[in-house]
Amino acid sequence: MKKNEIKSLTVEQLNEQVAAEKDRLQKLKFAHAISPIENPMRIRTTRKLIAQLLTELTVKQSAS
């Protein structure tokens, strides 16, 4: 997701995205532990996306 896409999401959508990305991260970590995944950089990008979503969520909640 791009930054402008993240900023356009509502608080509920941000919460849903965070939950979905955390689930994806957990699955990636399990898959990588069993056998190395094709692109391990996906773990890093997923973590960064979660951080961006949580940051925007904090900004929107503090503005309310």
PDB file of N, CA and C in Angstrom:
ATOM      1  N   MET A   1       0.846  -1.183   0.000  1.00  0.00           N
ATOM      2  CA  MET A   1       0.000   0.000   0.000  1.00  0.00           C
ATOM      3  C   MET A   1       0.888   1.242   0.000  1.00  0.00           C
ATOM      4  N   LYS A   2       0.400   2.251  -0.669  1.00  0.00           N
ATOM      5  CA  LYS A   2       1.128   3.514  -0.695  1.00  0.00           C
ATOM      6  C   LYS A   2       0.641   4.402   0.444  1.00  0.00           C
ATOM      7  N   LYS A   3       1.437   5.410   0.759  1.00  0.00           N
ATOM      8  CA  LYS A   3       1.111   6.271   1.902  1.00  0.00           C
ATOM      9  C   LYS A   3      -0.227   6.976   1.721  1.00  0.00           C
ATOM     10  N   ASN A   4      -0.525   7.441   0.508  1.00  0.00           N
ATOM     11  CA  ASN A   4      -1.800   8.132   0.317  1.00  0.00           C
ATOM     12  C   ASN A   4      -2.980   7.175   0.432  1.00  0.00           C
ATOM     13  N   GLU A   5      -2.778   5.903   0.102  1.00  0.00           N
ATOM     14  CA  GLU A   5      -3.837   4.909   0.281  1.00  0.00           C
ATOM     15  C   GLU A   5      -4.075   4.658   1.769  1.00  0.00           C
ATOM     16  N   ILE A   6      -2.989   4.619   2.536  1.00  0.00           N
ATOM     17  CA  ILE A   6      -3.112   4.395   3.980  1.00  0.00           C
ATOM     18  C   ILE A   6      -3.819   5.572   4.633  1.00  0.00           C
ATOM     19  N   LYS A   7      -3.489   6.787   4.222  1.00  0.00           N
ATOM     20  CA  LYS A   7      -4.095   7.974   4.823  1.00  0.00           C
ATOM     21  C   LYS A   7      -5.586   8.077   4.514  1.00  0.00           C
ATOM     22  N   SER A   8      -6.026   7.482   3.408  1.00  0.00           N
ATOM     23  CA  SER A   8      -7.435   7.588   3.034  1.00  0.00           C
ATOM     24  C   SER A   8      -8.321   6.568   3.761  1.00  0.00           C
ATOM     25  N   LEU A   9      -7.720   5.628   4.472  1.00  0.00           N
ATOM     26  CA  LEU A   9      -8.496   4.618   5.179  1.00  0.00           C
ATOM     27  C   LEU A   9      -9.102   5.184   6.458  1.00  0.00           C
ATOM     28  N   THR A  10     -10.250   4.605   6.849  1.00  0.00           N
ATOM     29  CA  THR A  10     -10.875   4.993   8.111  1.00  0.00           C
ATOM     30  C   THR A  10     -10.239   4.198   9.245  1.00  0.00           C
ATOM     31  N   VAL A  11     -10.607   4.535  10.473  1.00  0.00           N
ATOM     32  CA  VAL A  11     -10.057   3.854  11.643  1.00  0.00           C
ATOM     33  C   VAL A  11     -10.418   2.373  11.619  1.00  0.00           C
ATOM     34  N   GLU A  12     -11.661   2.050  11.264  1.00  0.00           N
ATOM     35  CA  GLU A  12     -12.083   0.647  11.206  1.00  0.00           C
ATOM     36  C   GLU A  12     -11.311  -0.114  10.143  1.00  0.00           C
ATOM     37  N   GLN A  13     -11.131   0.509   8.984  1.00  0.00           N
ATOM     38  CA  GLN A  13     -10.385  -0.138   7.910  1.00  0.00           C
ATOM     39  C   GLN A  13      -8.929  -0.335   8.300  1.00  0.00           C
ATOM     40  N   LEU A  14      -8.369   0.638   9.018  1.00  0.00           N
ATOM     41  CA  LEU A  14      -6.987   0.501   9.479  1.00  0.00           C
ATOM     42  C   LEU A  14      -6.856  -0.672  10.446  1.00  0.00           C
ATOM     43  N   ASN A  15      -7.815  -0.805  11.360  1.00  0.00           N
ATOM     44  CA  ASN A  15      -7.786  -1.928  12.303  1.00  0.00           C
ATOM     45  C   ASN A  15      -7.869  -3.267  11.573  1.00  0.00           C
ATOM     46  N   GLU A  16      -8.726  -3.338  10.551  1.00  0.00           N
ATOM     47  CA  GLU A  16      -8.859  -4.568   9.771  1.00  0.00           C
ATOM     48  C   GLU A  16      -7.568  -4.883   9.026  1.00  0.00           C
ATOM     49  N   GLN A  17      -6.958  -3.861   8.432  1.00  0.00           N
ATOM     50  CA  GLN A  17      -5.707  -4.045   7.698  1.00  0.00           C
ATOM     51  C   GLN A  17      -4.585  -4.504   8.624  1.00  0.00           C
ATOM     52  N   VAL A  18      -4.511  -3.924   9.816  1.00  0.00           N
ATOM     53  CA  VAL A  18      -3.477  -4.314  10.778  1.00  0.00           C
ATOM     54  C   VAL A  18      -3.646  -5.785  11.139  1.00  0.00           C
ATOM     55  N   ALA A  19      -4.870  -6.188  11.409  1.00  0.00           N
ATOM     56  CA  ALA A  19      -5.125  -7.585  11.760  1.00  0.00           C
ATOM     57  C   ALA A  19      -4.751  -8.520  10.609  1.00  0.00           C
ATOM     58  N   ALA A  20      -5.113  -8.139   9.395  1.00  0.00           N
ATOM     59  CA  ALA A  20      -4.807  -8.971   8.234  1.00  0.00           C
ATOM     60  C   ALA A  20      -3.296  -9.062   7.999  1.00  0.00           C
ATOM     61  N   GLU A  21      -2.607  -7.960   8.139  1.00  0.00           N
ATOM     62  CA  GLU A  21      -1.158  -7.956   7.918  1.00  0.00           C
ATOM     63  C   GLU A  21      -0.420  -8.716   9.012  1.00  0.00           C
ATOM     64  N   LYS A  22      -0.898  -8.631  10.245  1.00  0.00           N
ATOM     65  CA  LYS A  22      -0.274  -9.394  11.329  1.00  0.00           C
ATOM     66  C   LYS A  22      -0.452 -10.892  11.083  1.00  0.00           C
ATOM     67  N   ASP A  23      -1.618 -11.275  10.581  1.00  0.00           N
ATOM     68  CA  ASP A  23      -1.867 -12.675  10.252  1.00  0.00           C
ATOM     69  C   ASP A  23      -0.929 -13.119   9.128  1.00  0.00           C
ATOM     70  N   ARG A  24      -0.779 -12.277   8.116  1.00  0.00           N
ATOM     71  CA  ARG A  24       0.107 -12.588   6.997  1.00  0.00           C
ATOM     72  C   ARG A  24       1.554 -12.721   7.476  1.00  0.00           C
ATOM     73  N   LEU A  25       1.981 -11.839   8.370  1.00  0.00           N
ATOM     74  CA  LEU A  25       3.336 -11.886   8.900  1.00  0.00           C
ATOM     75  C   LEU A  25       3.574 -13.179   9.666  1.00  0.00           C
ATOM     76  N   GLN A  26       2.606 -13.569  10.465  1.00  0.00           N
ATOM     77  CA  GLN A  26       2.745 -14.808  11.226  1.00  0.00           C
ATOM     78  C   GLN A  26       2.876 -16.003  10.281  1.00  0.00           C
ATOM     79  N   LYS A  27       2.071 -16.042   9.226  1.00  0.00           N
ATOM     80  CA  LYS A  27       2.146 -17.140   8.265  1.00  0.00           C
ATOM     81  C   LYS A  27       3.484 -17.144   7.536  1.00  0.00           C
ATOM     82  N   LEU A  28       3.982 -15.954   7.195  1.00  0.00           N
ATOM     83  CA  LEU A  28       5.280 -15.874   6.532  1.00  0.00           C
ATOM     84  C   LEU A  28       6.393 -16.388   7.440  1.00  0.00           C
ATOM     85  N   LYS A  29       6.336 -16.017   8.713  1.00  0.00           N
ATOM     86  CA  LYS A  29       7.364 -16.467   9.648  1.00  0.00           C
ATOM     87  C   LYS A  29       7.339 -17.983   9.824  1.00  0.00           C
ATOM     88  N   PHE A  30       6.132 -18.560   9.920  1.00  0.00           N
ATOM     89  CA  PHE A  30       6.028 -20.008  10.050  1.00  0.00           C
ATOM     90  C   PHE A  30       6.549 -20.701   8.794  1.00  0.00           C
ATOM     91  N   ALA A  31       6.172 -20.183   7.636  1.00  0.00           N
ATOM     92  CA  ALA A  31       6.631 -20.777   6.378  1.00  0.00           C
ATOM     93  C   ALA A  31       8.148 -20.687   6.254  1.00  0.00           C
ATOM     94  N   HIS A  32       8.711 -19.577   6.700  1.00  0.00           N
ATOM     95  CA  HIS A  32      10.158 -19.389   6.616  1.00  0.00           C
ATOM     96  C   HIS A  32      10.890 -20.295   7.606  1.00  0.00           C
ATOM     97  N   ALA A  33      10.269 -20.583   8.739  1.00  0.00           N
ATOM     98  CA  ALA A  33      10.890 -21.460   9.725  1.00  0.00           C
ATOM     99  C   ALA A  33      10.930 -22.907   9.238  1.00  0.00           C
ATOM    100  N   ILE A  34       9.892 -23.312   8.524  1.00  0.00           N
ATOM    101  CA  ILE A  34       9.819 -24.687   8.030  1.00  0.00           C
ATOM    102  C   ILE A  34      10.796 -24.890   6.876  1.00  0.00           C
ATOM    103  N   SER A  35      10.688 -24.046   5.884  1.00  0.00           N
ATOM    104  CA  SER A  35      11.622 -24.084   4.755  1.00  0.00           C
ATOM    105  C   SER A  35      11.785 -22.653   4.268  1.00  0.00           C
ATOM    106  N   PRO A  36      12.991 -22.269   3.894  1.00  0.00           N
ATOM    107  CA  PRO A  36      13.213 -20.872   3.499  1.00  0.00           C
ATOM    108  C   PRO A  36      12.265 -20.433   2.376  1.00  0.00           C
ATOM    109  N   ILE A  37      11.623 -19.293   2.579  1.00  0.00           N
ATOM    110  CA  ILE A  37      10.712 -18.792   1.555  1.00  0.00           C
ATOM    111  C   ILE A  37      11.512 -18.167   0.425  1.00  0.00           C
ATOM    112  N   GLU A  38      10.845 -18.021  -0.723  1.00  0.00           N
ATOM    113  CA  GLU A  38      11.512 -17.533  -1.926  1.00  0.00           C
ATOM    114  C   GLU A  38      12.090 -16.133  -1.745  1.00  0.00           C
ATOM    115  N   ASN A  39      11.295 -15.247  -1.149  1.00  0.00           N
ATOM    116  CA  ASN A  39      11.736 -13.870  -0.987  1.00  0.00           C
ATOM    117  C   ASN A  39      11.596 -13.465   0.484  1.00  0.00           C
ATOM    118  N   PRO A  40      12.647 -13.622   1.270  1.00  0.00           N
ATOM    119  CA  PRO A  40      12.547 -13.300   2.698  1.00  0.00           C
ATOM    120  C   PRO A  40      12.362 -11.805   2.972  1.00  0.00           C
ATOM    121  N   MET A  41      12.574 -10.950   1.972  1.00  0.00           N
ATOM    122  CA  MET A  41      12.348  -9.513   2.158  1.00  0.00           C
ATOM    123  C   MET A  41      10.862  -9.214   2.367  1.00  0.00           C
ATOM    124  N   ARG A  42       9.983 -10.146   2.004  1.00  0.00           N
ATOM    125  CA  ARG A  42       8.553  -9.941   2.228  1.00  0.00           C
ATOM    126  C   ARG A  42       8.243  -9.816   3.712  1.00  0.00           C
ATOM    127  N   ILE A  43       9.027 -10.495   4.556  1.00  0.00           N
ATOM    128  CA  ILE A  43       8.828 -10.384   6.002  1.00  0.00           C
ATOM    129  C   ILE A  43       9.103  -8.948   6.432  1.00  0.00           C
ATOM    130  N   ARG A  44      10.196  -8.381   5.966  1.00  0.00           N
ATOM    131  CA  ARG A  44      10.561  -7.014   6.337  1.00  0.00           C
ATOM    132  C   ARG A  44       9.535  -6.008   5.822  1.00  0.00           C
ATOM    133  N   THR A  45       9.096  -6.165   4.577  1.00  0.00           N
ATOM    134  CA  THR A  45       8.134  -5.206   4.025  1.00  0.00           C
ATOM    135  C   THR A  45       6.791  -5.304   4.743  1.00  0.00           C
ATOM    136  N   THR A  46       6.412  -6.500   5.149  1.00  0.00           N
ATOM    137  CA  THR A  46       5.157  -6.666   5.890  1.00  0.00           C
ATOM    138  C   THR A  46       5.254  -5.994   7.259  1.00  0.00           C
ATOM    139  N   ARG A  47       6.403  -6.143   7.934  1.00  0.00           N
ATOM    140  CA  ARG A  47       6.595  -5.470   9.225  1.00  0.00           C
ATOM    141  C   ARG A  47       6.530  -3.965   9.076  1.00  0.00           C
ATOM    142  N   LYS A  48       7.140  -3.445   8.021  1.00  0.00           N
ATOM    143  CA  LYS A  48       7.124  -1.997   7.787  1.00  0.00           C
ATOM    144  C   LYS A  48       5.707  -1.511   7.495  1.00  0.00           C
ATOM    145  N   LEU A  49       4.947  -2.292   6.729  1.00  0.00           N
ATOM    146  CA  LEU A  49       3.569  -1.914   6.430  1.00  0.00           C
ATOM    147  C   LEU A  49       2.730  -1.878   7.701  1.00  0.00           C
ATOM    148  N   ILE A  50       2.924  -2.851   8.581  1.00  0.00           N
ATOM    149  CA  ILE A  50       2.200  -2.870   9.859  1.00  0.00           C
ATOM    150  C   ILE A  50       2.538  -1.615  10.660  1.00  0.00           C
ATOM    151  N   ALA A  51       3.806  -1.246  10.679  1.00  0.00           N
ATOM    152  CA  ALA A  51       4.223  -0.047  11.411  1.00  0.00           C
ATOM    153  C   ALA A  51       3.589   1.206  10.824  1.00  0.00           C
ATOM    154  N   GLN A  52       3.530   1.291   9.498  1.00  0.00           N
ATOM    155  CA  GLN A  52       2.900   2.459   8.863  1.00  0.00           C
ATOM    156  C   GLN A  52       1.418   2.524   9.191  1.00  0.00           C
ATOM    157  N   LEU A  53       0.751   1.371   9.155  1.00  0.00           N
ATOM    158  CA  LEU A  53      -0.677   1.331   9.476  1.00  0.00           C
ATOM    159  C   LEU A  53      -0.923   1.737  10.925  1.00  0.00           C
ATOM    160  N   LEU A  54      -0.106   1.226  11.838  1.00  0.00           N
ATOM    161  CA  LEU A  54      -0.282   1.563  13.248  1.00  0.00           C
ATOM    162  C   LEU A  54       0.009   3.041  13.505  1.00  0.00           C
ATOM    163  N   THR A  55       0.974   3.605  12.805  1.00  0.00           N
ATOM    164  CA  THR A  55       1.281   5.021  12.962  1.00  0.00           C
ATOM    165  C   THR A  55       0.103   5.872  12.510  1.00  0.00           C
ATOM    166  N   GLU A  56      -0.452   5.550  11.357  1.00  0.00           N
ATOM    167  CA  GLU A  56      -1.594   6.315  10.853  1.00  0.00           C
ATOM    168  C   GLU A  56      -2.804   6.136  11.760  1.00  0.00           C
ATOM    169  N   LEU A  57      -2.974   4.933  12.310  1.00  0.00           N
ATOM    170  CA  LEU A  57      -4.072   4.683  13.242  1.00  0.00           C
ATOM    171  C   LEU A  57      -3.927   5.554  14.488  1.00  0.00           C
ATOM    172  N   THR A  58      -2.727   5.670  15.007  1.00  0.00           N
ATOM    173  CA  THR A  58      -2.468   6.502  16.172  1.00  0.00           C
ATOM    174  C   THR A  58      -2.759   7.964  15.868  1.00  0.00           C
ATOM    175  N   VAL A  59      -2.348   8.427  14.697  1.00  0.00           N
ATOM    176  CA  VAL A  59      -2.594   9.821  14.299  1.00  0.00           C
ATOM    177  C   VAL A  59      -4.087  10.095  14.225  1.00  0.00           C
ATOM    178  N   LYS A  60      -4.849   9.186  13.613  1.00  0.00           N
ATOM    179  CA  LYS A  60      -6.279   9.403  13.467  1.00  0.00           C
ATOM    180  C   LYS A  60      -7.004   9.325  14.813  1.00  0.00           C
ATOM    181  N   GLN A  61      -6.551   8.428  15.686  1.00  0.00           N
ATOM    182  CA  GLN A  61      -7.204   8.307  16.985  1.00  0.00           C
ATOM    183  C   GLN A  61      -6.898   9.500  17.871  1.00  0.00           C
ATOM    184  N   SER A  62      -5.703  10.047  17.790  1.00  0.00           N
ATOM    185  CA  SER A  62      -5.376  11.206  18.612  1.00  0.00           C
ATOM    186  C   SER A  62      -6.043  12.470  18.088  1.00  0.00           C
ATOM    187  N   ALA A  63      -6.364  12.507  16.798  1.00  0.00           N
ATOM    188  CA  ALA A  63      -7.041  13.667  16.221  1.00  0.00           C
ATOM    189  C   ALA A  63      -8.520  13.687  16.608  1.00  0.00           C
ATOM    190  N   SER A  64      -9.070  12.524  16.935  1.00  0.00           N
ATOM    191  CA  SER A  64     -10.494  12.455  17.276  1.00  0.00           C
ATOM    192  C   SER A  64     -10.788  13.000  18.644  1.00  0.00           C
TER     193      SER A  64
END
